Amino acid sequence: MSVLSRANYIRRIVAAYLGSGASQLTFWHGIPTAASDFQNNQLGPYYMRFDEKAEYTAHLDPNGVPMLDYRAGLGLQYNPIAIAQYALGNHTLWLETKSPERLEKLEAAAQWLVQNLKPNEHGIPVWGHDFDWEYVERLVAPGHSGLAH
């Protein structure tokens, strides 16, 4: 990792943990909960509830799609994994409540996922991360996560 990349990475991590307001970590930190009514042989709730993620309101775009604040030069970004988990959480809560608000949140996230599924260099449809990421090494956009395939 270059000195500049390492400095950007450290600056971003410090801002996320010590800065005020919601950072990307606000979305990811939570207690995983299994769905008690999950059935592997029928369509229904996802096996993880994602209730906390369905309640995310820190940064939503004008359509109600969550964005995560990566701070330190990256700022607000769409993260397809976060959007999918937000959709799954709202789906579970909609199944339980039939709330029109939950359905609207689910549909907004699902629409984003449909519109942003793009073929990678091998022609396989994936959801990409459209921002460079300083990590152990610099990951150059469009990046693909195993969780987003």
N, C-alpha and C. Protein backbone atom coordinates (compact mmCIF):
# COMPACT_ATOMS: atom_id res chain seq x y z
N MET A 1 0.86 -1.17 0.00
CA MET A 1 0.00 0.00 0.00
C MET A 1 0.90 1.23 0.00
N SER A 2 0.59 2.18 -0.86
CA SER A 2 1.39 3.39 -0.93
C SER A 2 1.19 4.22 0.34
N VAL A 3 2.11 5.15 0.58
CA VAL A 3 2.01 6.02 1.75
C VAL A 3 0.72 6.84 1.70
N LEU A 4 0.35 7.34 0.50
CA LEU A 4 -0.87 8.12 0.36
C LEU A 4 -2.10 7.27 0.64
N SER A 5 -2.13 6.05 0.10
CA SER A 5 -3.27 5.16 0.34
C SER A 5 -3.38 4.81 1.82
N ARG A 6 -2.26 4.53 2.45
CA ARG A 6 -2.27 4.20 3.88
C ARG A 6 -2.76 5.40 4.69
N ALA A 7 -2.33 6.60 4.34
CA ALA A 7 -2.77 7.81 5.04
C ALA A 7 -4.28 8.02 4.85
N ASN A 8 -4.78 7.83 3.63
CA ASN A 8 -6.22 7.97 3.38
C ASN A 8 -7.01 6.92 4.14
N TYR A 9 -6.51 5.71 4.19
CA TYR A 9 -7.17 4.64 4.91
C TYR A 9 -7.25 4.97 6.40
N ILE A 10 -6.14 5.38 6.98
CA ILE A 10 -6.11 5.72 8.41
C ILE A 10 -7.03 6.91 8.69
N ARG A 11 -6.99 7.93 7.83
CA ARG A 11 -7.86 9.09 8.01
C ARG A 11 -9.34 8.70 7.96
N ARG A 12 -9.69 7.84 7.04
CA ARG A 12 -11.08 7.40 6.90
C ARG A 12 -11.53 6.59 8.11
N ILE A 13 -10.69 5.69 8.60
CA ILE A 13 -11.03 4.86 9.75
C ILE A 13 -11.16 5.70 11.02
N VAL A 14 -10.23 6.63 11.22
CA VAL A 14 -10.31 7.50 12.39
C VAL A 14 -11.59 8.34 12.34
N ALA A 15 -11.90 8.89 11.16
CA ALA A 15 -13.12 9.70 11.01
C ALA A 15 -14.37 8.86 11.26
N ALA A 16 -14.36 7.62 10.82
CA ALA A 16 -15.53 6.75 11.00
C ALA A 16 -15.75 6.42 12.48
N TYR A 17 -14.67 6.13 13.20
CA TYR A 17 -14.80 5.73 14.60
C TYR A 17 -14.90 6.91 15.56
N LEU A 18 -14.21 8.00 15.26
CA LEU A 18 -14.15 9.11 16.21
C LEU A 18 -14.94 10.34 15.79
N GLY A 19 -15.38 10.39 14.54
CA GLY A 19 -16.12 11.55 14.06
C GLY A 19 -17.54 11.58 14.59
N SER A 20 -18.17 12.71 14.45
CA SER A 20 -19.56 12.81 14.89
C SER A 20 -20.50 12.42 13.75
N GLY A 21 -21.71 12.04 14.09
CA GLY A 21 -22.68 11.66 13.08
C GLY A 21 -22.49 10.23 12.61
N ALA A 22 -23.32 9.85 11.68
CA ALA A 22 -23.34 8.47 11.18
C ALA A 22 -22.27 8.27 10.12
N SER A 23 -21.50 7.19 10.26
CA SER A 23 -20.53 6.79 9.24
C SER A 23 -21.00 5.47 8.65
N GLN A 24 -20.20 4.89 7.77
CA GLN A 24 -20.57 3.59 7.21
C GLN A 24 -20.71 2.54 8.29
N LEU A 25 -20.01 2.73 9.41
CA LEU A 25 -20.06 1.75 10.49
C LEU A 25 -21.42 1.73 11.18
N THR A 26 -22.15 2.84 11.12
CA THR A 26 -23.48 2.91 11.72
C THR A 26 -24.37 1.81 11.16
N PHE A 27 -24.24 1.55 9.88
CA PHE A 27 -25.07 0.53 9.23
C PHE A 27 -24.62 -0.87 9.62
N TRP A 28 -23.32 -1.12 9.65
CA TRP A 28 -22.82 -2.48 9.80
C TRP A 28 -22.88 -3.00 11.22
N HIS A 29 -22.81 -2.13 12.22
CA HIS A 29 -22.79 -2.61 13.60
C HIS A 29 -24.21 -2.92 14.06
N GLY A 30 -24.41 -4.09 14.53
CA GLY A 30 -25.72 -4.53 14.99
C GLY A 30 -25.61 -5.97 15.45
N ILE A 31 -26.67 -6.47 16.00
CA ILE A 31 -26.68 -7.85 16.50
C ILE A 31 -27.45 -8.72 15.50
N PRO A 32 -26.78 -9.70 14.89
CA PRO A 32 -27.47 -10.57 13.94
C PRO A 32 -28.56 -11.38 14.65
N THR A 33 -29.69 -11.48 14.00
CA THR A 33 -30.82 -12.23 14.56
C THR A 33 -31.38 -13.16 13.49
N ALA A 34 -31.53 -14.42 13.86
CA ALA A 34 -32.10 -15.39 12.92
C ALA A 34 -33.62 -15.25 12.89
N ALA A 35 -34.21 -15.50 11.73
CA ALA A 35 -35.66 -15.47 11.58
C ALA A 35 -36.22 -16.78 12.13
N SER A 36 -37.13 -16.67 13.09
CA SER A 36 -37.68 -17.88 13.72
C SER A 36 -38.67 -18.60 12.80
N ASP A 37 -39.24 -17.87 11.84
CA ASP A 37 -40.24 -18.49 10.97
C ASP A 37 -39.70 -18.84 9.58
N PHE A 38 -38.38 -18.89 9.44
CA PHE A 38 -37.76 -19.24 8.17
C PHE A 38 -38.06 -20.71 7.82
N GLN A 39 -38.43 -20.95 6.58
CA GLN A 39 -38.65 -22.30 6.07
C GLN A 39 -37.80 -22.46 4.82
N ASN A 40 -36.97 -23.47 4.77
CA ASN A 40 -36.09 -23.63 3.61
C ASN A 40 -36.79 -24.25 2.41
N ASN A 41 -38.04 -24.64 2.55
CA ASN A 41 -38.74 -25.28 1.44
C ASN A 41 -39.91 -24.44 0.90
N GLN A 42 -39.97 -23.16 1.29
CA GLN A 42 -41.03 -22.30 0.77
C GLN A 42 -40.57 -20.84 0.76
N LEU A 43 -41.22 -20.06 -0.09
CA LEU A 43 -40.90 -18.64 -0.18
C LEU A 43 -41.44 -17.94 1.06
N GLY A 44 -40.62 -17.10 1.64
CA GLY A 44 -41.03 -16.39 2.86
C GLY A 44 -39.91 -15.49 3.32
N PRO A 45 -39.77 -15.31 4.62
CA PRO A 45 -38.73 -14.41 5.12
C PRO A 45 -37.33 -14.98 4.88
N TYR A 46 -36.38 -14.08 4.77
CA TYR A 46 -34.96 -14.45 4.68
C TYR A 46 -34.55 -15.06 6.02
N TYR A 47 -33.49 -15.85 6.04
CA TYR A 47 -33.11 -16.54 7.27
C TYR A 47 -32.52 -15.61 8.32
N MET A 48 -32.10 -14.39 7.92
CA MET A 48 -31.66 -13.37 8.89
C MET A 48 -32.67 -12.24 8.84
N ARG A 49 -32.97 -11.65 9.98
CA ARG A 49 -34.03 -10.66 10.03
C ARG A 49 -33.62 -9.28 9.52
N PHE A 50 -32.44 -8.80 9.84
CA PHE A 50 -31.97 -7.48 9.43
C PHE A 50 -32.89 -6.34 9.88
N ASP A 51 -33.56 -6.51 11.03
CA ASP A 51 -34.46 -5.47 11.55
C ASP A 51 -33.74 -4.14 11.73
N GLU A 52 -32.56 -4.17 12.36
CA GLU A 52 -31.82 -2.93 12.61
C GLU A 52 -31.47 -2.23 11.30
N LYS A 53 -31.14 -2.99 10.30
CA LYS A 53 -30.78 -2.40 9.01
C LYS A 53 -31.99 -1.79 8.32
N ALA A 54 -33.17 -2.37 8.55
CA ALA A 54 -34.40 -1.83 7.98
C ALA A 54 -34.75 -0.48 8.62
N GLU A 55 -34.20 -0.19 9.79
CA GLU A 55 -34.46 1.06 10.50
C GLU A 55 -33.45 2.15 10.15
N TYR A 56 -32.50 1.86 9.28
CA TYR A 56 -31.45 2.83 8.92
C TYR A 56 -32.06 4.07 8.29
N THR A 57 -31.75 5.22 8.84
CA THR A 57 -32.25 6.50 8.30
C THR A 57 -31.16 7.55 8.20
N ALA A 58 -29.93 7.21 8.51
CA ALA A 58 -28.85 8.20 8.57
C ALA A 58 -28.67 8.94 7.25
N HIS A 59 -28.61 8.22 6.15
CA HIS A 59 -28.42 8.84 4.84
C HIS A 59 -29.24 8.07 3.81
N LEU A 60 -30.29 8.70 3.32
CA LEU A 60 -31.12 8.11 2.27
C LEU A 60 -31.12 9.06 1.09
N ASP A 61 -31.04 8.51 -0.12
CA ASP A 61 -31.10 9.37 -1.30
C ASP A 61 -32.55 9.84 -1.50
N PRO A 62 -32.83 10.68 -2.48
CA PRO A 62 -34.20 11.18 -2.67
C PRO A 62 -35.24 10.08 -2.91
N ASN A 63 -34.81 8.90 -3.35
CA ASN A 63 -35.74 7.78 -3.56
C ASN A 63 -35.89 6.91 -2.32
N GLY A 64 -35.16 7.22 -1.25
CA GLY A 64 -35.23 6.42 -0.04
C GLY A 64 -34.26 5.26 0.00
N VAL A 65 -33.26 5.27 -0.87
CA VAL A 65 -32.26 4.20 -0.92
C VAL A 65 -31.10 4.59 0.01
N PRO A 66 -30.67 3.66 0.88
CA PRO A 66 -29.59 4.00 1.81
C PRO A 66 -28.26 4.23 1.11
N MET A 67 -27.53 5.21 1.65
CA MET A 67 -26.16 5.47 1.24
C MET A 67 -25.32 5.47 2.51
N LEU A 68 -24.09 5.01 2.40
CA LEU A 68 -23.20 4.97 3.55
C LEU A 68 -22.15 6.06 3.43
N ASP A 69 -21.82 6.70 4.54
CA ASP A 69 -20.83 7.77 4.56
C ASP A 69 -19.47 7.19 4.91
N TYR A 70 -18.62 7.08 3.91
CA TYR A 70 -17.28 6.51 4.09
C TYR A 70 -16.26 7.57 4.51
N ARG A 71 -16.67 8.83 4.55
CA ARG A 71 -15.86 9.94 5.02
C ARG A 71 -14.54 10.07 4.26
N ALA A 72 -13.71 10.98 4.72
CA ALA A 72 -12.33 11.17 4.27
C ALA A 72 -12.15 11.03 2.77
N GLY A 73 -12.85 11.82 2.00
CA GLY A 73 -12.66 11.83 0.56
C GLY A 73 -13.62 10.94 -0.21
N LEU A 74 -14.15 9.90 0.42
CA LEU A 74 -15.09 9.02 -0.26
C LEU A 74 -16.53 9.52 -0.11
N GLY A 75 -16.87 10.01 1.06
CA GLY A 75 -18.21 10.55 1.30
C GLY A 75 -19.31 9.53 1.14
N LEU A 76 -20.49 10.01 0.76
CA LEU A 76 -21.66 9.14 0.61
C LEU A 76 -21.53 8.26 -0.64
N GLN A 77 -21.75 6.98 -0.44
CA GLN A 77 -21.66 6.01 -1.54
C GLN A 77 -22.77 4.98 -1.41
N TYR A 78 -23.19 4.46 -2.55
CA TYR A 78 -24.10 3.33 -2.56
C TYR A 78 -23.28 2.07 -2.32
N ASN A 79 -23.74 1.22 -1.42
CA ASN A 79 -23.11 -0.07 -1.19
C ASN A 79 -24.18 -1.13 -1.45
N PRO A 80 -24.04 -1.91 -2.51
CA PRO A 80 -25.08 -2.86 -2.87
C PRO A 80 -25.39 -3.89 -1.78
N ILE A 81 -24.41 -4.24 -0.97
CA ILE A 81 -24.66 -5.20 0.11
C ILE A 81 -25.57 -4.56 1.15
N ALA A 82 -25.28 -3.32 1.50
CA ALA A 82 -26.11 -2.60 2.47
C ALA A 82 -27.53 -2.43 1.93
N ILE A 83 -27.66 -2.10 0.67
CA ILE A 83 -28.97 -1.90 0.07
C ILE A 83 -29.77 -3.21 0.06
N ALA A 84 -29.11 -4.31 -0.25
CA ALA A 84 -29.79 -5.61 -0.25
C ALA A 84 -30.23 -5.99 1.16
N GLN A 85 -29.38 -5.76 2.15
CA GLN A 85 -29.76 -6.10 3.52
C GLN A 85 -30.89 -5.19 4.02
N TYR A 86 -30.88 -3.93 3.64
CA TYR A 86 -31.96 -3.00 3.96
C TYR A 86 -33.27 -3.51 3.34
N ALA A 87 -33.20 -3.95 2.10
CA ALA A 87 -34.39 -4.49 1.42
C ALA A 87 -34.88 -5.76 2.12
N LEU A 88 -33.97 -6.66 2.46
CA LEU A 88 -34.37 -7.90 3.13
C LEU A 88 -35.00 -7.63 4.49
N GLY A 89 -34.44 -6.67 5.24
CA GLY A 89 -35.02 -6.32 6.54
C GLY A 89 -36.42 -5.76 6.39
N ASN A 90 -36.60 -4.88 5.40
CA ASN A 90 -37.93 -4.32 5.18
C ASN A 90 -38.91 -5.37 4.65
N HIS A 91 -38.41 -6.33 3.89
CA HIS A 91 -39.27 -7.42 3.42
C HIS A 91 -39.78 -8.25 4.60
N THR A 92 -38.89 -8.60 5.51
CA THR A 92 -39.29 -9.37 6.68
C THR A 92 -40.34 -8.61 7.49
N LEU A 93 -40.10 -7.32 7.72
CA LEU A 93 -41.05 -6.52 8.50
C LEU A 93 -42.36 -6.32 7.75
N TRP A 94 -42.31 -6.22 6.42
CA TRP A 94 -43.54 -6.10 5.64
C TRP A 94 -44.35 -7.39 5.74
N LEU A 95 -43.69 -8.54 5.67
CA LEU A 95 -44.41 -9.81 5.81
C LEU A 95 -45.17 -9.88 7.13
N GLU A 96 -44.58 -9.32 8.17
CA GLU A 96 -45.20 -9.36 9.49
C GLU A 96 -46.30 -8.32 9.67
N THR A 97 -46.13 -7.14 9.07
CA THR A 97 -47.03 -6.01 9.37
C THR A 97 -47.93 -5.61 8.22
N LYS A 98 -47.52 -5.95 7.00
CA LYS A 98 -48.20 -5.48 5.77
C LYS A 98 -48.25 -3.95 5.71
N SER A 99 -47.28 -3.31 6.34
CA SER A 99 -47.20 -1.85 6.38
C SER A 99 -46.85 -1.30 5.00
N PRO A 100 -47.63 -0.33 4.49
CA PRO A 100 -47.30 0.30 3.21
C PRO A 100 -45.92 0.97 3.23
N GLU A 101 -45.52 1.51 4.38
CA GLU A 101 -44.20 2.15 4.51
C GLU A 101 -43.08 1.12 4.28
N ARG A 102 -43.23 -0.07 4.85
CA ARG A 102 -42.22 -1.13 4.66
C ARG A 102 -42.17 -1.56 3.20
N LEU A 103 -43.31 -1.65 2.57
CA LEU A 103 -43.35 -2.04 1.16
C LEU A 103 -42.68 -0.98 0.29
N GLU A 104 -42.91 0.30 0.58
CA GLU A 104 -42.27 1.38 -0.18
C GLU A 104 -40.75 1.32 -0.04
N LYS A 105 -40.26 1.08 1.18
CA LYS A 105 -38.82 0.98 1.41
C LYS A 105 -38.23 -0.22 0.67
N LEU A 106 -38.92 -1.33 0.74
CA LEU A 106 -38.49 -2.54 0.04
C LEU A 106 -38.44 -2.29 -1.46
N GLU A 107 -39.48 -1.69 -2.01
CA GLU A 107 -39.54 -1.44 -3.45
C GLU A 107 -38.47 -0.46 -3.91
N ALA A 108 -38.18 0.57 -3.12
CA ALA A 108 -37.14 1.54 -3.50
C ALA A 108 -35.78 0.85 -3.58
N ALA A 109 -35.47 0.03 -2.58
CA ALA A 109 -34.18 -0.68 -2.57
C ALA A 109 -34.13 -1.71 -3.70
N ALA A 110 -35.23 -2.44 -3.90
CA ALA A 110 -35.26 -3.45 -4.96
C ALA A 110 -35.10 -2.80 -6.34
N GLN A 111 -35.73 -1.65 -6.53
CA GLN A 111 -35.61 -0.94 -7.81
C GLN A 111 -34.15 -0.54 -8.06
N TRP A 112 -33.48 -0.05 -7.02
CA TRP A 112 -32.07 0.32 -7.16
C TRP A 112 -31.26 -0.93 -7.56
N LEU A 113 -31.52 -2.04 -6.90
CA LEU A 113 -30.78 -3.27 -7.20
C LEU A 113 -31.01 -3.73 -8.63
N VAL A 114 -32.24 -3.66 -9.11
CA VAL A 114 -32.55 -4.04 -10.49
C VAL A 114 -31.81 -3.12 -11.46
N GLN A 115 -31.86 -1.82 -11.22
CA GLN A 115 -31.25 -0.84 -12.13
C GLN A 115 -29.73 -0.88 -12.12
N ASN A 116 -29.13 -1.41 -11.08
CA ASN A 116 -27.67 -1.39 -10.95
C ASN A 116 -27.01 -2.74 -11.10
N LEU A 117 -27.74 -3.75 -11.51
CA LEU A 117 -27.14 -5.05 -11.81
C LEU A 117 -26.53 -4.97 -13.20
N LYS A 118 -25.22 -5.06 -13.27
CA LYS A 118 -24.50 -4.87 -14.54
C LYS A 118 -23.52 -6.02 -14.77
N PRO A 119 -23.31 -6.39 -16.02
CA PRO A 119 -22.34 -7.45 -16.29
C PRO A 119 -20.91 -6.99 -16.02
N ASN A 120 -20.13 -7.87 -15.41
CA ASN A 120 -18.71 -7.58 -15.19
C ASN A 120 -17.93 -7.89 -16.46
N GLU A 121 -16.62 -7.87 -16.37
CA GLU A 121 -15.78 -8.08 -17.56
C GLU A 121 -15.94 -9.47 -18.17
N HIS A 122 -16.55 -10.40 -17.44
CA HIS A 122 -16.79 -11.75 -17.95
C HIS A 122 -18.25 -11.96 -18.37
N GLY A 123 -19.04 -10.88 -18.33
CA GLY A 123 -20.43 -10.96 -18.73
C GLY A 123 -21.37 -11.47 -17.65
N ILE A 124 -20.85 -11.64 -16.43
CA ILE A 124 -21.67 -12.13 -15.32
C ILE A 124 -22.29 -10.94 -14.60
N PRO A 125 -23.62 -10.91 -14.45
CA PRO A 125 -24.25 -9.77 -13.76
C PRO A 125 -23.86 -9.71 -12.28
N VAL A 126 -23.38 -8.56 -11.85
CA VAL A 126 -22.98 -8.33 -10.47
C VAL A 126 -23.37 -6.91 -10.06
N TRP A 127 -23.41 -6.69 -8.76
CA TRP A 127 -23.56 -5.34 -8.24
C TRP A 127 -22.17 -4.86 -7.87
N GLY A 128 -21.76 -3.77 -8.48
CA GLY A 128 -20.42 -3.25 -8.25
C GLY A 128 -20.39 -2.16 -7.19
N HIS A 129 -19.23 -2.02 -6.62
CA HIS A 129 -18.94 -0.89 -5.74
C HIS A 129 -18.26 0.15 -6.63
N ASP A 130 -18.92 1.27 -6.85
CA ASP A 130 -18.44 2.24 -7.83
C ASP A 130 -17.56 3.33 -7.23
N PHE A 131 -16.72 2.94 -6.29
CA PHE A 131 -15.78 3.88 -5.70
C PHE A 131 -14.51 3.12 -5.33
N ASP A 132 -13.37 3.81 -5.46
CA ASP A 132 -12.10 3.20 -5.08
C ASP A 132 -12.08 3.04 -3.56
N TRP A 133 -11.38 2.04 -3.11
CA TRP A 133 -11.39 1.69 -1.69
C TRP A 133 -9.97 1.43 -1.23
N GLU A 134 -9.51 2.22 -0.27
CA GLU A 134 -8.20 1.96 0.32
C GLU A 134 -8.37 0.95 1.44
N TYR A 135 -7.73 -0.17 1.27
CA TYR A 135 -7.82 -1.23 2.26
C TYR A 135 -6.41 -1.75 2.45
N VAL A 136 -6.20 -3.04 2.50
CA VAL A 136 -4.84 -3.57 2.56
C VAL A 136 -4.08 -3.11 1.32
N GLU A 137 -4.76 -3.10 0.19
CA GLU A 137 -4.27 -2.50 -1.04
C GLU A 137 -5.42 -1.72 -1.65
N ARG A 138 -5.13 -0.86 -2.59
CA ARG A 138 -6.19 -0.04 -3.19
C ARG A 138 -7.03 -0.90 -4.13
N LEU A 139 -8.31 -0.95 -3.86
CA LEU A 139 -9.25 -1.66 -4.72
C LEU A 139 -9.87 -0.63 -5.65
N VAL A 140 -9.69 -0.81 -6.94
CA VAL A 140 -10.11 0.19 -7.92
C VAL A 140 -11.49 -0.16 -8.44
N ALA A 141 -12.34 0.86 -8.50
CA ALA A 141 -13.72 0.70 -9.00
C ALA A 141 -13.71 0.31 -10.48
N PRO A 142 -14.65 -0.47 -10.93
CA PRO A 142 -15.72 -1.03 -10.11
C PRO A 142 -15.25 -2.28 -9.38
N GLY A 143 -15.44 -2.30 -8.09
CA GLY A 143 -15.07 -3.47 -7.29
C GLY A 143 -16.27 -4.37 -7.11
N HIS A 144 -16.02 -5.63 -6.94
CA HIS A 144 -17.10 -6.60 -6.72
C HIS A 144 -16.81 -7.38 -5.46
N SER A 145 -17.78 -7.49 -4.61
CA SER A 145 -17.66 -8.26 -3.38
C SER A 145 -18.31 -9.62 -3.58
N GLY A 146 -17.78 -10.62 -2.93
CA GLY A 146 -18.41 -11.94 -2.98
C GLY A 146 -19.83 -11.91 -2.42
N LEU A 147 -20.10 -10.98 -1.50
CA LEU A 147 -21.44 -10.84 -0.95
C LEU A 147 -22.40 -10.18 -1.94
N ALA A 148 -21.86 -9.50 -2.93
CA ALA A 148 -22.72 -8.77 -3.88
C ALA A 148 -22.92 -9.52 -5.19
N HIS A 149 -22.54 -10.77 -5.26
CA HIS A 149 -22.76 -11.56 -6.49
C HIS A 149 -24.04 -12.32 -6.40
